[in-house]
Amino acid sequence: MEAPRIQTTPSDVPPLEPGHRLPRGRLLGIDAVRALAIIGVFVAHFYATGWLHAGRPVDTPGVLQWISMQTSSRAMSLFVLLAGVSVALMTGGSRPYAGPDMSTARRRIAVRALVLFLISLAIDEFGASVLSYYAVLLLLLIPLARLRPRTLFTAAGLAAPLVTVGAWWVMSTHPEWMRGDAPSGLDVLTSSDQWGGYLFQLVLTGGGFQTVYGIPLVLAGLAIGRLDLHDHAVRLRLLRTGLGIAATTYAVYAVLWHGIGAAKHVAAAMAAPPTDSGPPPLPWQSLLGMPTDGVYATSPLGIVLMIGIAMAMLGGMLLIFERRRAGKVLWPLAAAGGMTMTWYAGHFGYLSLIGDPPSVSFVHLAAAVAVMLGVSVLWRRWVRRGPLEWFVHQVTTKAVPGR
């Protein structure tokens, strides 16, 4: 018997107090996953070196090192995948717009990408933001907005090995391409002679997170957003499929990395002295590793693992929010997830006050997360969007009026 179809009605969200401003039928499970992603960013950037007091990085407890290592790149990977989901929802979800409606949606995405790029330049004055690469990925999705989920999943599967092998080839054979002195922050607006290096870094090498690695992630996110996420059966299938992909991928990684000795080849290469052009080139076996293995070239397995984890998280959270009581308990996550752009930008300002490196205690980190959740609940009680979210929405809708 086919599972009941869950419509977008007030019963699909937790019963909140009348003061809570919430768009009708908003998928709070997606917001909750966004909140988990921003918490992961906090963990990666607020480096906890002690439980009660900040200590020396070399003395960081093993558990805290493990947590930081597991979230250092995967939090931003999750954000990038969610960008694809957002583009899908902005262009009609499981029923893509057509004609003038799709044209309006595409132009709004383009304006949104431009605004995010400009915001990124301002944030770069405080720290290395990835919003500029995020903006590029949004532009890449515009011509793909009407593709079917199966086509998009196939494209994501093909892109994962292509982009990682390509990036490994550049890093191994042409490291000089990555050393262009590119302007940062608002200086990019007045440094026209350095635009070449900047554009190459923007499109290929990036800073902390490479745009090229985000291509399969946003394609997978666009495919997920094209599914009927209001359907209980689809949510359950997302959870099960995601867990299966993640478990299978990690098993394959364990066999290849540890079983056949790929880790030994990479360790030997990394122990070699640096060359005149930079770090020693990594062997092809580095493509079998994970970001947590300390290699600077991620692998197709790492990307596919992240896609599986994201699918499981989205399916699981959407299922959890079907239950009113669970929705009430997790409302702080959903509230924070609805204003992650504000928190992402704001945390850079706070980091600039802490100093470099931002070494804090675990209590400090936990307090920062608690403040984020608490303020989000209070803000969303009266205001529908976060400050930056409101600004981007206003600019987008005024630049491209709807029908």
Protein backbone atom coordinates (compact mmCIF):
# COMPACT_ATOMS: atom_id res chain seq x y z
CA MET A 1 0.00 0.00 0.00
CA GLU A 2 1.40 3.42 -0.93
CA ALA A 3 2.45 5.64 1.96
CA PRO A 4 0.17 8.62 2.64
CA ARG A 5 1.15 11.84 0.96
CA ILE A 6 1.91 14.65 3.37
CA GLN A 7 0.65 17.98 2.12
CA THR A 8 2.13 21.35 2.98
CA THR A 9 -0.25 22.35 5.73
CA PRO A 10 0.16 23.73 9.25
CA SER A 11 0.21 20.11 10.48
CA ASP A 12 3.54 19.71 8.70
CA VAL A 13 5.24 22.10 11.12
CA PRO A 14 5.39 22.16 14.92
CA PRO A 15 2.51 24.03 16.60
CA LEU A 16 4.14 27.28 17.64
CA GLU A 17 2.86 30.18 19.65
CA PRO A 18 0.92 32.81 17.67
CA GLY A 19 3.88 35.19 17.90
CA HIS A 20 6.16 32.96 15.83
CA ARG A 21 6.45 34.30 12.29
CA LEU A 22 6.76 31.30 10.01
CA PRO A 23 6.11 30.95 6.27
CA ARG A 24 3.18 28.63 5.68
CA GLY A 25 4.32 25.10 4.90
CA ARG A 26 8.06 25.78 5.29
CA LEU A 27 10.10 22.58 5.50
CA LEU A 28 11.59 23.01 8.96
CA GLY A 29 13.58 19.79 8.65
CA ILE A 30 15.77 21.47 6.03
CA ASP A 31 16.26 24.47 8.31
CA ALA A 32 17.30 22.13 11.11
CA VAL A 33 19.96 20.56 8.89
CA ARG A 34 21.21 24.05 7.99
CA ALA A 35 21.54 24.76 11.71
CA LEU A 36 23.60 21.60 12.18
CA ALA A 37 25.83 22.81 9.35
CA ILE A 38 26.41 26.22 10.97
CA ILE A 39 27.15 24.50 14.29
CA GLY A 40 29.74 22.47 12.40
CA VAL A 41 31.25 25.72 11.11
CA PHE A 42 31.42 27.00 14.69
CA VAL A 43 33.21 23.81 15.75
CA ALA A 44 35.71 24.18 12.91
CA HIS A 45 36.39 27.90 13.43
CA PHE A 46 36.15 28.15 17.24
CA TYR A 47 38.95 25.65 17.76
CA ALA A 48 38.37 24.11 21.20
CA THR A 49 41.76 23.30 22.74
CA GLY A 50 40.50 22.42 26.23
CA TRP A 51 37.33 21.50 28.09
CA LEU A 52 37.06 24.31 30.67
CA HIS A 53 39.95 26.52 29.59
CA ALA A 54 41.70 27.11 26.29
CA GLY A 55 45.09 25.42 26.12
CA ARG A 56 47.91 24.98 23.66
CA PRO A 57 46.85 23.40 20.36
CA VAL A 58 49.40 20.61 20.84
CA ASP A 59 47.73 19.69 24.14
CA THR A 60 44.19 19.53 22.74
CA PRO A 61 42.31 16.44 24.07
CA GLY A 62 41.97 13.68 21.51
CA VAL A 63 38.18 13.80 21.52
CA LEU A 64 38.15 17.51 20.69
CA GLN A 65 40.73 16.95 17.94
CA TRP A 66 38.57 14.20 16.45
CA ILE A 67 35.42 16.36 16.53
CA SER A 68 37.21 19.28 14.87
CA MET A 69 38.73 17.03 12.20
CA GLN A 70 35.39 15.43 11.35
CA THR A 71 33.65 18.79 10.91
CA SER A 72 36.43 20.94 9.40
CA SER A 73 35.40 20.41 5.78
CA ARG A 74 32.14 18.50 6.00
CA ALA A 75 30.16 21.39 7.51
CA MET A 76 30.84 23.57 4.48
CA SER A 77 30.22 20.61 2.16
CA LEU A 78 26.78 20.29 3.74
CA PHE A 79 26.15 23.99 3.22
CA VAL A 80 27.06 23.71 -0.45
CA LEU A 81 24.73 20.75 -0.98
CA LEU A 82 21.93 22.66 0.75
CA ALA A 83 22.50 25.50 -1.72
CA GLY A 84 21.39 23.10 -4.44
CA VAL A 85 18.30 22.18 -2.43
CA SER A 86 17.47 25.87 -2.01
CA VAL A 87 17.79 26.55 -5.75
CA ALA A 88 15.42 23.65 -6.42
CA LEU A 89 12.86 25.01 -3.97
CA MET A 90 13.19 28.55 -5.38
CA THR A 91 12.43 27.21 -8.86
CA GLY A 92 9.37 25.13 -8.00
CA GLY A 93 10.56 22.12 -6.02
CA SER A 94 9.17 18.85 -7.35
CA ARG A 95 7.19 20.78 -9.98
CA PRO A 96 9.68 23.10 -11.70
CA TYR A 97 8.35 26.41 -12.93
CA ALA A 98 7.94 27.04 -16.63
CA GLY A 99 7.81 30.11 -18.82
CA PRO A 100 7.85 33.55 -17.16
CA ASP A 101 7.84 32.06 -13.64
CA MET A 102 11.05 30.12 -14.29
CA SER A 103 12.60 33.16 -15.94
CA THR A 104 11.83 35.27 -12.87
CA ALA A 105 13.21 32.61 -10.54
CA ARG A 106 16.43 32.31 -12.54
CA ARG A 107 17.00 36.06 -12.59
CA ARG A 108 16.42 36.20 -8.84
CA ILE A 109 19.01 33.47 -8.30
CA ALA A 110 21.49 35.46 -10.39
CA VAL A 111 20.85 38.61 -8.33
CA ARG A 112 21.13 36.59 -5.14
CA ALA A 113 24.50 35.24 -6.27
CA LEU A 114 25.74 38.79 -6.95
CA VAL A 115 24.58 40.01 -3.53
CA LEU A 116 26.24 37.04 -1.81
CA PHE A 117 29.47 37.78 -3.68
CA LEU A 118 29.45 41.39 -2.49
CA ILE A 119 28.67 40.31 1.08
CA SER A 120 31.59 37.89 0.85
CA LEU A 121 33.96 40.73 -0.06
CA ALA A 122 32.91 42.56 3.09
CA ILE A 123 33.23 39.45 5.26
CA ASP A 124 36.72 38.82 3.85
CA GLU A 125 37.86 41.87 5.80
CA PHE A 126 37.37 39.75 8.95
CA GLY A 127 38.14 36.24 7.69
CA ALA A 128 38.21 33.93 4.69
CA SER A 129 34.59 33.58 3.58
CA VAL A 130 33.40 30.94 1.13
CA LEU A 131 30.31 32.87 0.06
CA SER A 132 32.02 33.98 -3.15
CA TYR A 133 32.48 30.36 -4.22
CA TYR A 134 28.94 29.66 -3.07
CA ALA A 135 27.77 32.45 -5.38
CA VAL A 136 29.62 30.93 -8.35
CA LEU A 137 27.93 27.60 -7.72
CA LEU A 138 24.51 29.27 -7.70
CA LEU A 139 25.22 30.72 -11.13
CA LEU A 140 26.30 27.30 -12.42
CA LEU A 141 22.91 25.84 -11.42
CA ILE A 142 20.77 28.39 -13.28
CA PRO A 143 20.84 26.64 -16.69
CA LEU A 144 20.29 23.26 -15.00
CA ALA A 145 17.16 24.26 -13.09
CA ARG A 146 14.74 22.20 -15.20
CA LEU A 147 16.66 18.92 -15.26
CA ARG A 148 15.04 15.84 -13.73
CA PRO A 149 16.25 14.32 -10.43
CA ARG A 150 17.62 11.18 -12.13
CA THR A 151 19.62 13.27 -14.61
CA LEU A 152 20.99 15.45 -11.82
CA PHE A 153 21.97 12.49 -9.62
CA THR A 154 23.73 10.93 -12.61
CA ALA A 155 25.55 14.19 -13.31
CA ALA A 156 26.61 14.41 -9.65
CA GLY A 157 27.93 10.85 -9.78
CA LEU A 158 29.95 11.58 -12.92
CA ALA A 159 31.20 14.94 -11.66
CA ALA A 160 32.64 13.55 -8.41
CA PRO A 161 35.55 11.65 -10.03
CA LEU A 162 36.03 14.22 -12.80
CA VAL A 163 36.49 17.25 -10.56
CA THR A 164 38.64 15.47 -7.99
CA VAL A 165 40.97 13.89 -10.57
CA GLY A 166 41.21 17.24 -12.34
CA ALA A 167 42.07 19.09 -9.13
CA TRP A 168 44.63 16.42 -8.18
CA TRP A 169 46.25 16.77 -11.61
CA VAL A 170 46.58 20.55 -11.19
CA MET A 171 47.97 20.23 -7.67
CA SER A 172 50.44 17.53 -8.68
CA THR A 173 51.64 18.80 -12.05
CA HIS A 174 51.03 22.57 -12.04
CA PRO A 175 51.27 23.84 -8.46
CA GLU A 176 52.36 27.23 -9.78
CA TRP A 177 48.80 27.78 -11.01
CA MET A 178 47.68 27.92 -7.40
CA ARG A 179 50.12 30.57 -6.20
CA GLY A 180 48.71 33.62 -7.96
CA ASP A 181 48.65 36.60 -5.61
CA ALA A 182 44.95 37.38 -5.62
CA PRO A 183 43.39 40.37 -3.86
CA SER A 184 41.24 39.68 -0.86
CA GLY A 185 38.26 41.42 0.65
CA LEU A 186 37.21 44.78 -0.80
CA ASP A 187 40.65 45.19 -2.43
CA VAL A 188 39.41 43.02 -5.30
CA LEU A 189 37.34 45.98 -6.52
CA THR A 190 40.47 48.11 -7.08
CA SER A 191 43.04 45.45 -8.06
CA SER A 192 42.21 44.92 -11.72
CA ASP A 193 45.76 43.77 -12.51
CA GLN A 194 45.30 40.77 -10.19
CA TRP A 195 41.92 39.64 -11.47
CA GLY A 196 43.41 36.72 -13.40
CA GLY A 197 44.79 35.02 -10.33
CA TYR A 198 41.68 35.83 -8.37
CA LEU A 199 39.31 34.39 -10.95
CA PHE A 200 41.36 31.21 -11.25
CA GLN A 201 41.34 30.75 -7.49
CA LEU A 202 37.63 31.53 -7.41
CA VAL A 203 36.70 28.96 -10.04
CA LEU A 204 39.21 26.19 -9.39
CA THR A 205 41.40 26.32 -6.32
CA GLY A 206 39.43 28.52 -3.94
CA GLY A 207 40.64 29.24 -0.45
CA GLY A 208 39.57 26.95 2.35
CA PHE A 209 36.93 25.25 0.22
CA GLN A 210 37.39 24.72 -3.52
CA THR A 211 34.51 25.64 -5.80
CA VAL A 212 35.34 22.73 -8.07
CA TYR A 213 34.67 20.24 -5.26
CA GLY A 214 31.25 21.80 -4.75
CA ILE A 215 29.96 20.99 -8.24
CA PRO A 216 28.83 17.39 -7.53
CA LEU A 217 27.47 18.51 -4.15
CA VAL A 218 25.21 21.25 -5.55
CA LEU A 219 24.08 18.94 -8.35
CA ALA A 220 23.07 16.34 -5.77
CA GLY A 221 21.34 19.05 -3.72
CA LEU A 222 19.40 20.25 -6.75
CA ALA A 223 18.35 16.65 -7.41
CA ILE A 224 17.19 16.19 -3.81
CA GLY A 225 15.21 19.43 -3.95
CA ARG A 226 13.46 18.20 -7.09
CA LEU A 227 11.98 15.28 -5.14
CA ASP A 228 8.61 15.64 -3.43
CA LEU A 229 9.96 16.40 0.01
CA HIS A 230 6.41 16.71 1.39
CA ASP A 231 5.83 13.00 0.77
CA HIS A 232 6.43 10.68 3.72
CA ALA A 233 7.61 7.86 1.46
CA VAL A 234 10.18 10.12 -0.21
CA ARG A 235 11.50 11.24 3.16
CA LEU A 236 11.86 7.65 4.30
CA ARG A 237 13.57 6.68 1.07
CA LEU A 238 15.99 9.59 1.45
CA LEU A 239 16.93 8.40 4.93
CA ARG A 240 17.42 4.77 3.92
CA THR A 241 19.25 5.52 0.68
CA GLY A 242 21.51 8.05 2.34
CA LEU A 243 22.48 5.63 5.10
CA GLY A 244 23.14 2.93 2.52
CA ILE A 245 25.32 5.20 0.37
CA ALA A 246 27.28 6.47 3.37
CA ALA A 247 27.87 3.00 4.84
CA THR A 248 28.87 1.46 1.49
CA THR A 249 31.18 4.34 0.61
CA TYR A 250 32.93 4.25 3.96
CA ALA A 251 33.39 0.48 3.69
CA VAL A 252 34.98 0.86 0.25
CA TYR A 253 37.23 3.63 1.59
CA ALA A 254 38.34 1.49 4.53
CA VAL A 255 39.29 -1.38 2.22
CA LEU A 256 41.15 0.81 -0.28
CA TRP A 257 42.82 3.16 2.18
CA HIS A 258 43.84 0.69 4.86
CA GLY A 259 43.36 -2.70 3.24
CA ILE A 260 45.43 -2.29 0.07
CA GLY A 261 47.85 0.19 1.61
CA ALA A 262 46.94 3.45 -0.14
CA ALA A 263 47.57 5.28 3.14
CA LYS A 264 51.20 4.12 3.18
CA HIS A 265 51.91 5.48 -0.29
CA VAL A 266 50.41 8.86 0.61
CA ALA A 267 52.22 9.01 3.97
CA ALA A 268 55.54 8.33 2.24
CA ALA A 269 54.91 11.08 -0.30
CA MET A 270 53.91 13.58 2.38
CA ALA A 271 57.07 12.80 4.36
CA ALA A 272 59.26 13.71 1.39
CA PRO A 273 61.01 17.10 1.48
CA PRO A 274 59.25 19.94 -0.36
CA THR A 275 60.30 20.81 -3.89
CA ASP A 276 61.23 24.23 -5.25
CA SER A 277 57.64 24.67 -6.42
CA GLY A 278 56.04 23.76 -3.09
CA PRO A 279 54.84 20.63 -1.27
CA PRO A 280 55.78 17.28 -2.83
CA PRO A 281 53.19 15.99 -5.32
CA LEU A 282 50.83 13.40 -3.96
CA PRO A 283 50.46 10.01 -5.67
CA TRP A 284 47.20 8.96 -7.27
CA GLN A 285 46.40 6.95 -4.13
CA SER A 286 45.52 10.26 -2.43
CA LEU A 287 42.29 10.14 -4.44
CA LEU A 288 41.26 7.19 -2.28
CA GLY A 289 41.46 9.12 0.99
CA MET A 290 39.20 11.44 2.93
CA PRO A 291 39.64 15.06 4.05
CA THR A 292 40.20 13.70 7.55
CA ASP A 293 43.35 11.92 6.33
CA GLY A 294 45.19 15.21 5.95
CA VAL A 295 45.54 15.19 2.16
CA TYR A 296 44.96 18.41 0.26
CA ALA A 297 43.15 16.66 -2.58
CA THR A 298 39.82 15.23 -1.55
CA SER A 299 38.51 12.07 -3.18
CA PRO A 300 35.40 10.97 -5.07
CA LEU A 301 34.69 8.75 -2.08
CA GLY A 302 34.76 11.76 0.24
CA ILE A 303 32.21 13.61 -1.87
CA VAL A 304 29.90 10.59 -2.28
CA LEU A 305 30.09 9.93 1.46
CA MET A 306 29.02 13.53 2.14
CA ILE A 307 26.11 13.21 -0.29
CA GLY A 308 24.94 10.08 1.51
CA ILE A 309 25.25 11.72 4.93
CA ALA A 310 23.32 14.78 3.72
CA MET A 311 20.53 12.64 2.25
CA ALA A 312 20.19 10.74 5.53
CA MET A 313 20.18 13.96 7.58
CA LEU A 314 17.55 15.61 5.40
CA GLY A 315 15.31 12.55 5.29
CA GLY A 316 15.69 11.99 9.02
CA MET A 317 14.99 15.59 10.01
CA LEU A 318 11.97 15.85 7.73
CA LEU A 319 10.58 12.68 9.31
CA ILE A 320 11.24 13.97 12.82
CA PHE A 321 9.39 17.22 12.12
CA GLU A 322 6.30 15.26 11.14
CA ARG A 323 5.81 14.73 14.88
CA ARG A 324 4.52 17.79 16.68
CA ARG A 325 6.29 17.11 19.97
CA ALA A 326 9.64 16.52 18.31
CA GLY A 327 9.13 19.66 16.26
CA LYS A 328 8.64 21.69 19.44
CA VAL A 329 11.82 20.30 20.98
CA LEU A 330 13.89 20.98 17.84
CA TRP A 331 12.37 24.38 17.06
CA PRO A 332 15.59 26.20 18.18
CA LEU A 333 17.48 24.33 15.45
CA ALA A 334 14.88 25.25 12.84
CA ALA A 335 14.87 28.88 14.02
CA ALA A 336 18.66 29.14 13.71
CA GLY A 337 18.61 27.33 10.37
CA GLY A 338 16.35 30.01 8.94
CA MET A 339 19.02 32.67 9.52
CA THR A 340 22.31 30.84 8.91
CA MET A 341 23.61 33.55 6.57
CA THR A 342 23.38 36.06 9.41
CA TRP A 343 25.15 33.75 11.82
CA TYR A 344 27.81 32.79 9.29
CA ALA A 345 28.66 36.45 8.65
CA GLY A 346 28.37 37.40 12.33
CA HIS A 347 30.69 34.71 13.62
CA PHE A 348 33.55 36.14 11.55
CA GLY A 349 33.19 39.45 13.34
CA TYR A 350 33.30 37.69 16.70
CA LEU A 351 36.32 35.66 15.63
CA SER A 352 38.17 38.87 14.79
CA LEU A 353 37.67 39.98 18.41
CA ILE A 354 38.97 36.71 19.83
CA GLY A 355 42.21 36.85 17.89
CA ASP A 356 44.15 34.51 15.66
CA PRO A 357 44.17 31.60 16.09
CA PRO A 358 40.69 31.49 17.68
CA SER A 359 41.64 29.04 20.42
CA VAL A 360 38.79 28.66 22.94
CA SER A 361 37.52 26.21 25.53
CA PHE A 362 34.78 23.70 24.83
CA VAL A 363 32.58 25.63 27.31
CA HIS A 364 33.16 28.78 25.25
CA LEU A 365 32.19 26.94 22.07
CA ALA A 366 29.07 25.47 23.68
CA ALA A 367 28.09 28.92 24.98
CA ALA A 368 28.44 30.38 21.47
CA VAL A 369 26.12 27.69 20.08
CA ALA A 370 23.64 28.21 22.92
CA VAL A 371 23.57 31.98 22.32
CA MET A 372 22.99 31.39 18.61
CA LEU A 373 20.04 29.07 19.29
CA GLY A 374 18.53 31.29 21.98
CA VAL A 375 18.78 34.53 20.00
CA SER A 376 17.38 32.77 16.93
CA VAL A 377 14.29 31.66 18.86
CA LEU A 378 13.70 35.18 20.18
CA TRP A 379 14.30 36.81 16.80
CA ARG A 380 12.08 34.41 14.86
CA ARG A 381 9.29 34.89 17.40
CA TRP A 382 8.61 38.33 15.93
CA VAL A 383 10.53 38.50 12.66
CA ARG A 384 10.22 36.11 9.75
CA ARG A 385 13.80 36.39 8.45
CA GLY A 386 17.24 37.08 9.88
CA PRO A 387 18.83 40.51 9.21
CA LEU A 388 21.02 39.41 6.30
CA GLU A 389 18.31 37.12 4.96
CA TRP A 390 15.88 40.06 4.98
CA PHE A 391 18.41 42.27 3.19
CA VAL A 392 19.10 39.70 0.46
CA HIS A 393 15.37 39.06 0.03
CA GLN A 394 14.61 42.77 -0.30
CA VAL A 395 17.36 43.37 -2.85
CA THR A 396 16.39 40.29 -4.86
CA THR A 397 12.64 40.94 -5.00
CA LYS A 398 13.05 44.65 -5.77
CA ALA A 399 15.62 43.97 -8.50
CA VAL A 400 13.44 41.24 -10.03
CA PRO A 401 9.76 41.87 -9.15
CA GLY A 402 7.50 38.85 -9.15
CA ARG A 403 4.36 38.44 -11.15
